[in-house]
Protein backbone atom coordinates (compact mmCIF):
# COMPACT_ATOMS: atom_id res chain seq x y z
CA MET A 1 57.53 142.62 110.93
CA SER A 2 53.74 142.13 110.86
CA GLY A 3 54.08 139.31 108.32
CA ILE A 4 56.52 137.24 110.47
CA THR A 5 55.24 134.85 113.08
CA ARG A 6 56.95 134.35 116.46
CA ARG A 7 58.14 130.91 115.28
CA ASP A 8 59.65 132.46 112.13
CA PHE A 9 61.36 135.14 114.19
CA ASN A 10 62.91 132.57 116.57
CA ARG A 11 64.11 130.46 113.65
CA ILE A 12 65.74 133.47 111.93
CA ALA A 13 67.36 134.64 115.18
CA ALA A 14 68.78 131.18 115.91
CA SER A 15 70.15 130.95 112.38
CA ALA A 16 71.83 134.36 112.73
CA VAL A 17 73.47 133.39 116.03
CA ALA A 18 74.72 130.11 114.57
CA GLY A 19 76.07 131.91 111.53
CA SER A 20 77.88 134.54 113.55
CA GLY A 21 79.38 131.80 115.75
CA THR A 22 80.67 130.00 112.68
CA LEU A 23 82.32 133.15 111.42
CA ALA A 24 83.84 134.07 114.79
CA ALA A 25 85.20 130.68 115.79
CA PRO A 26 88.25 130.57 113.47
CA ALA A 27 89.44 133.96 114.79
CA ILE A 28 89.20 132.69 118.37
CA VAL A 29 91.08 129.50 117.53
CA ARG A 30 93.82 131.43 115.73
CA ALA A 31 94.27 133.72 118.72
CA GLN A 32 94.56 130.77 121.07
CA THR A 33 96.99 128.76 118.95
CA ASN A 34 99.37 131.55 117.90
CA LYS A 35 100.15 133.18 121.26
CA LEU A 36 101.02 131.69 124.64
CA LYS A 37 100.90 133.81 127.79
CA VAL A 38 103.87 132.86 129.99
CA GLY A 39 104.17 134.10 133.56
CA VAL A 40 107.87 134.43 134.46
CA LEU A 41 108.71 134.55 138.17
CA LEU A 42 112.29 135.53 139.10
CA PRO A 43 113.98 137.13 142.15
CA ARG A 44 114.92 140.44 140.61
CA SER A 45 115.22 142.07 144.05
CA GLY A 46 116.25 140.84 147.49
CA THR A 47 119.28 138.72 148.32
CA GLN A 48 119.14 136.80 145.02
CA ALA A 49 118.58 139.88 142.85
CA PHE A 50 121.74 139.62 140.74
CA ILE A 51 121.02 135.99 139.87
CA GLY A 52 117.38 136.75 139.08
CA GLN A 53 118.48 139.59 136.81
CA SER A 54 120.94 137.23 135.16
CA CYS A 55 118.16 134.72 134.46
CA GLN A 56 116.06 137.56 133.05
CA LEU A 57 118.59 138.01 130.24
CA GLY A 58 117.61 134.55 129.01
CA VAL A 59 113.97 135.60 129.12
CA ASP A 60 114.64 138.77 127.16
CA ILE A 61 116.24 137.03 124.17
CA ALA A 62 113.79 134.11 124.04
CA PRO A 63 110.69 135.44 122.22
CA ALA A 64 112.42 136.40 118.97
CA LEU A 65 114.46 133.19 118.84
CA LEU A 66 111.51 130.95 119.60
CA ARG A 67 109.38 132.77 117.05
CA GLU A 68 112.01 131.87 114.44
CA MET A 69 112.33 128.29 115.67
CA TYR A 70 108.65 127.41 116.25
CA GLY A 71 106.58 130.12 114.62
CA VAL A 72 104.76 130.89 117.87
CA GLU A 73 104.44 134.05 119.95
CA LEU A 74 105.26 134.15 123.64
CA ASP A 75 103.49 136.90 125.54
CA LEU A 76 105.73 137.27 128.60
CA MET A 77 104.34 138.44 131.93
CA ASN A 78 107.37 139.22 134.13
CA VAL A 79 107.10 139.49 137.92
CA ASP A 80 109.57 139.85 140.78
CA THR A 81 109.43 137.28 143.60
CA GLU A 82 111.60 139.57 145.77
CA THR A 83 113.49 136.47 147.00
CA ASN A 84 110.48 135.75 149.18
CA VAL A 85 108.54 132.47 149.19
CA GLU A 86 105.18 134.00 150.12
CA VAL A 87 105.55 136.74 147.51
CA ALA A 88 106.32 134.05 144.92
CA ARG A 89 103.15 132.16 145.89
CA SER A 90 100.87 135.22 145.76
CA ARG A 91 102.31 136.47 142.47
CA ALA A 92 101.91 133.06 140.88
CA GLU A 93 98.22 133.24 141.83
CA LYS A 94 97.92 136.74 140.38
CA LEU A 95 99.65 135.74 137.13
CA ILE A 96 97.14 132.95 136.62
CA ASN A 97 94.25 135.29 137.47
CA ASP A 98 95.64 137.73 134.90
CA GLY A 99 95.63 135.07 132.19
CA ALA A 100 99.01 133.28 132.36
CA GLN A 101 98.72 129.87 130.69
CA VAL A 102 102.19 128.60 131.71
CA LEU A 103 104.50 129.57 134.59
CA VAL A 104 108.31 129.59 134.36
CA GLY A 105 110.92 130.18 137.08
CA PRO A 106 111.83 130.88 139.84
CA PHE A 107 115.51 129.93 140.53
CA ASP A 108 114.89 129.38 144.25
CA SER A 109 113.84 125.97 145.62
CA GLY A 110 111.61 127.36 148.36
CA ALA A 111 109.75 129.55 145.89
CA ALA A 112 109.53 126.67 143.41
CA SER A 113 107.83 124.47 146.02
CA ALA A 114 105.25 127.17 146.71
CA ILE A 115 104.57 127.88 143.03
CA ALA A 116 104.22 124.16 142.28
CA GLN A 117 101.36 123.95 144.80
CA VAL A 118 99.58 126.84 143.11
CA ALA A 119 100.13 125.41 139.62
CA GLU A 120 98.73 122.04 140.68
CA GLN A 121 95.63 123.58 142.23
CA ARG A 122 94.96 125.74 139.18
CA ARG A 123 96.00 123.10 136.61
CA ILE A 124 98.52 125.39 134.95
CA PRO A 125 101.87 123.94 133.75
CA PHE A 126 104.89 125.11 135.73
CA ILE A 127 108.33 124.70 134.09
CA ILE A 128 111.22 125.12 136.53
CA ASN A 129 114.31 126.74 135.09
CA ILE A 130 116.57 126.34 138.16
CA ALA A 131 115.78 124.80 141.57
CA ALA A 132 117.31 121.62 142.98
CA ALA A 133 115.42 120.49 146.12
CA PRO A 134 114.35 116.88 145.32
CA GLN A 135 110.97 117.09 147.05
CA ILE A 136 109.63 119.46 144.38
CA THR A 137 109.21 116.59 141.93
CA GLU A 138 108.44 113.96 144.57
CA GLN A 139 104.91 115.16 145.41
CA GLY A 140 103.08 113.40 142.60
CA TYR A 141 102.39 116.69 140.81
CA LYS A 142 101.01 116.48 137.27
CA TYR A 143 101.64 120.07 136.19
CA THR A 144 105.24 120.67 137.42
CA PHE A 145 108.27 119.93 135.21
CA ARG A 146 111.95 120.51 136.00
CA ASN A 147 114.75 120.71 133.43
CA PHE A 148 117.44 120.94 136.14
CA PRO A 149 119.19 118.33 138.30
CA THR A 150 118.00 117.57 141.80
CA SER A 151 120.42 118.28 144.64
CA VAL A 152 121.14 114.54 144.82
CA ASP A 153 122.22 114.49 141.17
CA LEU A 154 124.12 117.76 141.59
CA VAL A 155 126.07 116.39 144.55
CA ARG A 156 126.69 112.98 143.00
CA ASN A 157 128.01 114.54 139.78
CA GLY A 158 129.92 117.23 141.67
CA LEU A 159 131.70 114.83 144.01
CA ALA A 160 132.70 112.62 141.09
CA LEU A 161 134.37 115.69 139.58
CA PHE A 162 136.26 116.19 142.86
CA ARG A 163 137.86 112.80 142.22
CA ASP A 164 138.69 113.77 138.63
CA LEU A 165 140.20 117.06 139.81
CA PHE A 166 142.45 115.35 142.36
CA GLN A 167 143.58 112.84 139.74
CA ALA A 168 144.27 115.57 137.16
CA THR A 169 146.35 117.59 139.65
CA SER A 170 147.98 114.59 141.41
CA THR A 171 146.73 115.74 144.81
CA ALA A 172 145.04 114.07 147.76
CA PRO A 173 143.71 116.54 150.35
CA ARG A 174 142.91 114.79 153.61
CA THR A 175 140.38 117.13 155.25
CA ALA A 176 137.55 119.49 154.32
CA VAL A 177 135.32 121.90 156.21
CA PHE A 178 131.80 121.90 154.81
CA MET A 179 130.10 125.32 154.83
CA HIS A 180 126.54 125.74 153.56
CA ILE A 181 123.58 128.07 153.51
CA ASN A 182 120.63 126.94 155.62
CA ASP A 183 117.78 127.62 153.18
CA THR A 184 115.76 124.95 151.33
CA PHE A 185 118.45 124.49 148.69
CA GLY A 186 121.36 124.39 151.14
CA LEU A 187 119.67 121.92 153.46
CA ALA A 188 118.77 119.64 150.54
CA ASN A 189 122.41 119.67 149.45
CA ARG A 190 123.58 118.92 152.98
CA LYS A 191 121.22 115.95 153.17
CA ALA A 192 122.54 114.67 149.83
CA ILE A 193 126.18 115.12 150.85
CA ASP A 194 125.61 113.40 154.19
CA ALA A 195 124.08 110.44 152.37
CA ILE A 196 126.43 110.16 149.39
CA LEU A 197 129.89 111.17 150.63
CA PRO A 198 130.36 108.22 153.05
CA THR A 199 129.75 105.80 150.15
CA LEU A 200 132.51 107.23 147.94
CA SER A 201 135.64 105.41 149.03
CA TYR A 202 137.61 106.86 146.13
CA LEU A 203 137.61 110.35 147.71
CA PRO A 204 140.66 110.88 149.95
CA PHE A 205 139.25 113.45 152.37
CA LYS A 206 136.95 113.49 155.38
CA VAL A 207 134.75 116.36 156.55
CA VAL A 208 136.05 117.58 159.92
CA GLU A 209 133.39 120.24 160.55
CA THR A 210 130.04 121.34 159.11
CA ILE A 211 129.08 125.01 159.44
CA SER A 212 125.73 126.41 158.32
CA TYR A 213 124.70 130.04 158.00
CA ASP A 214 121.91 132.31 156.77
CA PRO A 215 122.21 133.16 153.04
CA ALA A 216 121.12 136.72 153.93
CA ALA A 217 123.90 137.10 156.53
CA ARG A 218 125.78 140.40 156.47
CA ASP A 219 128.79 139.13 158.43
CA LEU A 220 130.48 135.73 158.25
CA SER A 221 133.47 136.52 160.47
CA VAL A 222 132.44 134.03 163.17
CA GLU A 223 131.77 131.24 160.68
CA VAL A 224 135.09 131.80 158.86
CA ALA A 225 137.00 131.93 162.15
CA LYS A 226 135.43 128.62 163.12
CA ALA A 227 136.33 127.10 159.75
CA LYS A 228 139.88 128.44 159.98
CA ALA A 229 140.31 126.82 163.39
CA THR A 230 139.80 123.38 161.80
CA ASN A 231 142.89 123.92 159.62
CA ALA A 232 141.10 121.91 156.92
CA ASP A 233 142.83 121.46 153.58
CA PHE A 234 139.94 122.95 151.61
CA ILE A 235 136.44 124.42 151.91
CA MET A 236 133.54 122.48 150.42
CA LEU A 237 130.93 125.17 149.86
CA VAL A 238 127.21 125.30 149.08
CA SER A 239 126.37 128.98 148.62
CA ARG A 240 124.39 131.68 146.91
CA LEU A 241 125.98 134.79 145.42
CA ASN A 242 126.00 137.40 148.18
CA ASP A 243 127.24 135.04 150.88
CA ALA A 244 129.97 133.66 148.59
CA ILE A 245 131.30 137.21 148.16
CA LEU A 246 131.18 137.80 151.94
CA LEU A 247 132.95 134.50 152.57
CA VAL A 248 135.90 135.23 150.28
CA ARG A 249 136.29 138.75 151.64
CA GLU A 250 136.40 137.35 155.17
CA LEU A 251 138.94 134.69 154.18
CA VAL A 252 141.22 137.40 152.80
CA LYS A 253 140.68 139.55 155.90
CA GLN A 254 141.50 136.67 158.25
CA ARG A 255 144.45 135.66 156.05
CA TRP A 256 143.38 132.09 155.71
CA ALA A 257 144.21 130.56 152.34
CA PRO A 258 143.09 126.90 152.17
CA GLN A 259 144.12 124.75 149.24
CA GLY A 260 140.90 125.72 147.50
CA ILE A 261 137.21 126.60 147.70
CA MET A 262 135.11 124.04 145.84
CA SER A 263 131.38 123.63 145.40
CA PRO A 264 129.87 120.24 144.56
CA GLY A 265 126.98 122.04 142.86
CA SER A 266 125.75 125.50 143.84
CA PRO A 267 125.54 129.02 142.39
CA GLY A 268 127.46 132.10 143.43
CA MET A 269 131.07 131.71 142.45
CA TYR A 270 130.61 131.76 138.66
CA GLU A 271 128.23 134.75 138.59
CA ALA A 272 129.23 138.02 136.90
CA GLN A 273 128.77 139.97 140.14
CA PHE A 274 131.19 137.63 141.95
CA TYR A 275 134.01 138.71 139.62
CA LYS A 276 132.97 142.35 139.72
CA ALA A 277 132.90 142.44 143.53
CA LEU A 278 136.09 140.49 144.22
CA GLY A 279 138.39 141.11 141.27
CA LYS A 280 141.55 138.97 141.52
CA TYR A 281 140.25 137.27 144.67
CA SER A 282 137.48 135.64 142.62
CA ASP A 283 140.04 133.54 140.74
CA TYR A 284 140.63 129.80 141.24
CA CYS A 285 137.29 129.10 142.99
CA ILE A 286 135.77 125.89 141.62
CA SER A 287 132.11 125.11 140.93
CA ASN A 288 131.01 121.68 139.71
CA VAL A 289 127.74 122.59 138.03
CA PRO A 290 125.55 121.97 134.99
CA TRP A 291 126.93 124.13 132.20
CA TYR A 292 126.36 125.05 128.60
CA ASP A 293 128.13 123.48 125.64
CA PRO A 294 129.70 126.44 123.79
CA ASN A 295 130.08 124.29 120.67
CA ALA A 296 126.42 123.26 120.45
CA LYS A 297 124.45 124.62 117.49
CA LEU A 298 121.77 126.11 119.74
CA SER A 299 124.41 127.68 122.02
CA LYS A 300 125.90 129.52 119.07
CA ARG A 301 122.46 130.76 118.07
CA VAL A 302 121.68 131.91 121.61
CA GLU A 303 125.11 133.52 121.96
CA ALA A 304 124.60 135.51 118.75
CA ALA A 305 121.23 136.77 119.99
CA PHE A 306 122.71 137.55 123.41
CA SER A 307 125.63 139.51 121.95
CA LYS A 308 123.28 141.50 119.74
CA ARG A 309 120.91 142.34 122.60
CA PHE A 310 123.58 142.87 125.27
CA PRO A 311 126.75 143.93 123.42
CA LYS A 312 128.56 145.02 126.60
CA ASP A 313 128.10 141.65 128.32
CA LYS A 314 129.28 138.06 127.76
CA LEU A 315 127.12 134.96 127.75
CA SER A 316 129.82 133.01 129.63
CA TYR A 317 129.19 135.13 132.75
CA HIS A 318 125.52 134.10 132.70
CA ALA A 319 125.78 130.68 131.07
CA LEU A 320 123.92 128.56 133.60
CA ASN A 321 121.24 131.15 134.36
CA VAL A 322 120.56 132.14 130.76
CA GLY A 323 120.88 128.58 129.45
CA PHE A 324 118.38 126.91 131.76
CA THR A 325 115.98 129.86 131.64
CA PHE A 326 116.02 129.88 127.85
CA GLU A 327 115.51 126.10 127.78
CA ALA A 328 112.50 126.39 130.11
CA LEU A 329 110.88 128.76 127.62
CA LEU A 330 112.00 126.45 124.80
CA VAL A 331 110.07 123.61 126.45
CA ALA A 332 106.99 125.83 126.69
CA ALA A 333 107.18 126.89 123.03
CA ASP A 334 107.79 123.33 121.82
CA ALA A 335 104.83 121.97 123.79
CA PHE A 336 102.56 124.80 122.67
CA LYS A 337 103.45 124.16 119.05
CA ARG A 338 102.62 120.47 119.36
CA ALA A 339 99.50 120.89 121.51
CA GLY A 340 97.97 123.64 119.38
CA SER A 341 96.11 124.73 122.50
CA THR A 342 96.47 126.95 125.56
CA ASP A 343 94.47 124.56 127.74
CA GLY A 344 96.51 123.69 130.84
CA THR A 345 95.92 119.96 130.70
CA ALA A 346 96.65 119.78 126.96
CA LEU A 347 99.88 121.73 127.48
CA ALA A 348 100.92 119.53 130.41
CA ASN A 349 100.32 116.42 128.33
CA ALA A 350 102.45 117.88 125.53
CA ILE A 351 105.25 118.81 127.94
CA ARG A 352 105.19 115.25 129.25
CA GLN A 353 106.01 114.09 125.70
CA THR A 354 108.94 116.52 125.27
CA ASN A 355 112.02 115.12 123.52
CA ILE A 356 114.40 117.93 122.53
CA ALA A 357 117.85 116.70 121.45
CA ASP A 358 119.05 120.03 120.01
CA ARG A 359 119.73 121.80 123.29
CA MET A 360 122.13 124.29 124.83
CA MET A 361 123.11 122.71 128.14
CA VAL A 362 125.46 119.75 128.61
CA GLY A 363 123.67 116.41 128.83
CA GLY A 364 121.21 114.24 126.95
CA PRO A 365 117.87 115.28 125.44
CA ILE A 366 115.29 117.28 127.37
CA ARG A 367 112.63 114.79 128.38
CA PHE A 368 110.70 114.22 131.56
CA ASN A 369 110.04 111.08 133.55
CA GLU A 370 106.74 110.25 135.23
CA LYS A 371 107.58 112.67 138.05
CA GLY A 372 108.21 115.59 135.68
CA GLN A 373 111.99 115.43 136.21
CA ASN A 374 114.62 115.57 133.47
CA THR A 375 117.36 113.12 134.48
CA GLU A 376 119.62 113.74 131.47
CA ASN A 377 121.59 116.78 132.72
CA ALA A 378 125.34 116.60 133.39
CA SER A 379 127.93 118.76 135.20
CA ALA A 380 131.30 120.27 134.36
CA CYS A 381 134.12 121.51 136.58
CA ILE A 382 134.25 125.30 136.25
CA GLN A 383 137.27 127.15 137.63
CA ASN A 384 137.51 130.93 137.73
CA ARG A 385 140.54 132.00 135.71
CA ASN A 386 141.43 135.55 134.78
CA GLN A 387 138.12 136.59 136.35
CA GLN A 388 135.91 134.50 134.13
CA PRO A 389 134.44 130.98 134.29
CA VAL A 390 136.48 128.36 132.42
CA VAL A 391 135.79 124.65 131.88
CA VAL A 392 138.69 122.58 133.26
CA LEU A 393 137.00 119.14 133.36
CA PRO A 394 136.02 116.83 131.79
CA LYS A 395 139.20 116.83 129.76
CA GLN A 396 137.49 116.58 126.38
CA ALA A 397 135.61 119.82 127.05
CA ALA A 398 138.38 121.63 128.95
CA GLN A 399 139.44 125.12 127.98
CA MET A 400 142.33 125.13 130.47
CA ALA A 401 144.04 122.67 132.83
CA PRO A 402 142.82 122.82 136.46
CA VAL A 403 144.95 124.39 139.20
CA PHE A 404 144.92 122.83 142.68
CA PRO A 405 146.12 123.73 145.28
CA VAL A 406 145.48 127.35 144.38
CA PRO A 407 147.79 130.36 144.91
CA GLY A 408 147.48 132.22 148.22
CA TRP A 409 145.70 135.57 148.41
CA GLN A 410 148.96 137.50 148.35
CA GLY A 411 150.13 135.66 145.25
CA ARG A 412 147.29 136.93 143.05
CA THR A 413 147.97 139.48 140.32
């Protein structure tokens, strides 16, 4: 070294560093552009556990399918929100600290609101699979995107299907008792129903009583007795899964058989656990909800992957949960492919330009407005028949004709 001056040494060292940086850079870029770390938040325990586990099935089949479709790798980081808003918030923070570059989930509107705040602060895209409270996409957020209808759209579409159902069955019920959960989702639906229903002169019924209850309730005997006392023609229900099961059991116990139980747009009555828990008593319940198109090319591809992965189960029992969860991951993969980057702002900009026509769920293309909301989703009238969900409206997509009024509890076989 005695023949090298300090200036020569510095020049050689700088050249070596520059050279090593040139060699290393492509490897770093390849790592960033071939794999996306996705934090998935779902309620796999707590009162919404069965629904969270149902959504998880869509997560489980997604990586292999999206690798085939887009040539990208999704590194999934799964966490349980425990059906708890504060847990959802803290685990979203931890996912980002652990390297998540996109967040997906969480089914619940309260949890979605909390996660959206975190995502905005940390500038990490958040793609909502299922959650309907309108305020989530009314905050001016730049990193939150929802491929699911708001409660206003759910109710508007669901009530229009009430009209179609009454026309198809030549019926005109005069009264309804409105029963709903009192969480973020239920209250948003009540607000939408209170605003929209009075404007729909084509509907023949009036609501004679509104009864709210805790979605974690263990006993609905008082609420059902109160509803029964109204002698309403049918129950208009906004529920979750566990409370929907409790409600039907209490109706059977109290021997009240209204003309039907119909939801203008909520989960619970089309879930696999609903059929398992209630057997024949699960039949004839009606849910007007966003649904999958079984004839769509992507649906067939997803169904094949689902059947291979879960041969003892049927996609139809998880259609809404799997469909919207898979599509949320589809949005992430599509944006990642186009952005070529894991940077949060670059990914958010790419998601904002999403335009996916080849989709699984009923409706127009997946694309987001300036608020991050997809307004192209539609609903179908799903009636439980032979202990499985069946499309009965619209007529062009119907698998069976609707039944209303429905048979009494003692007339079920």
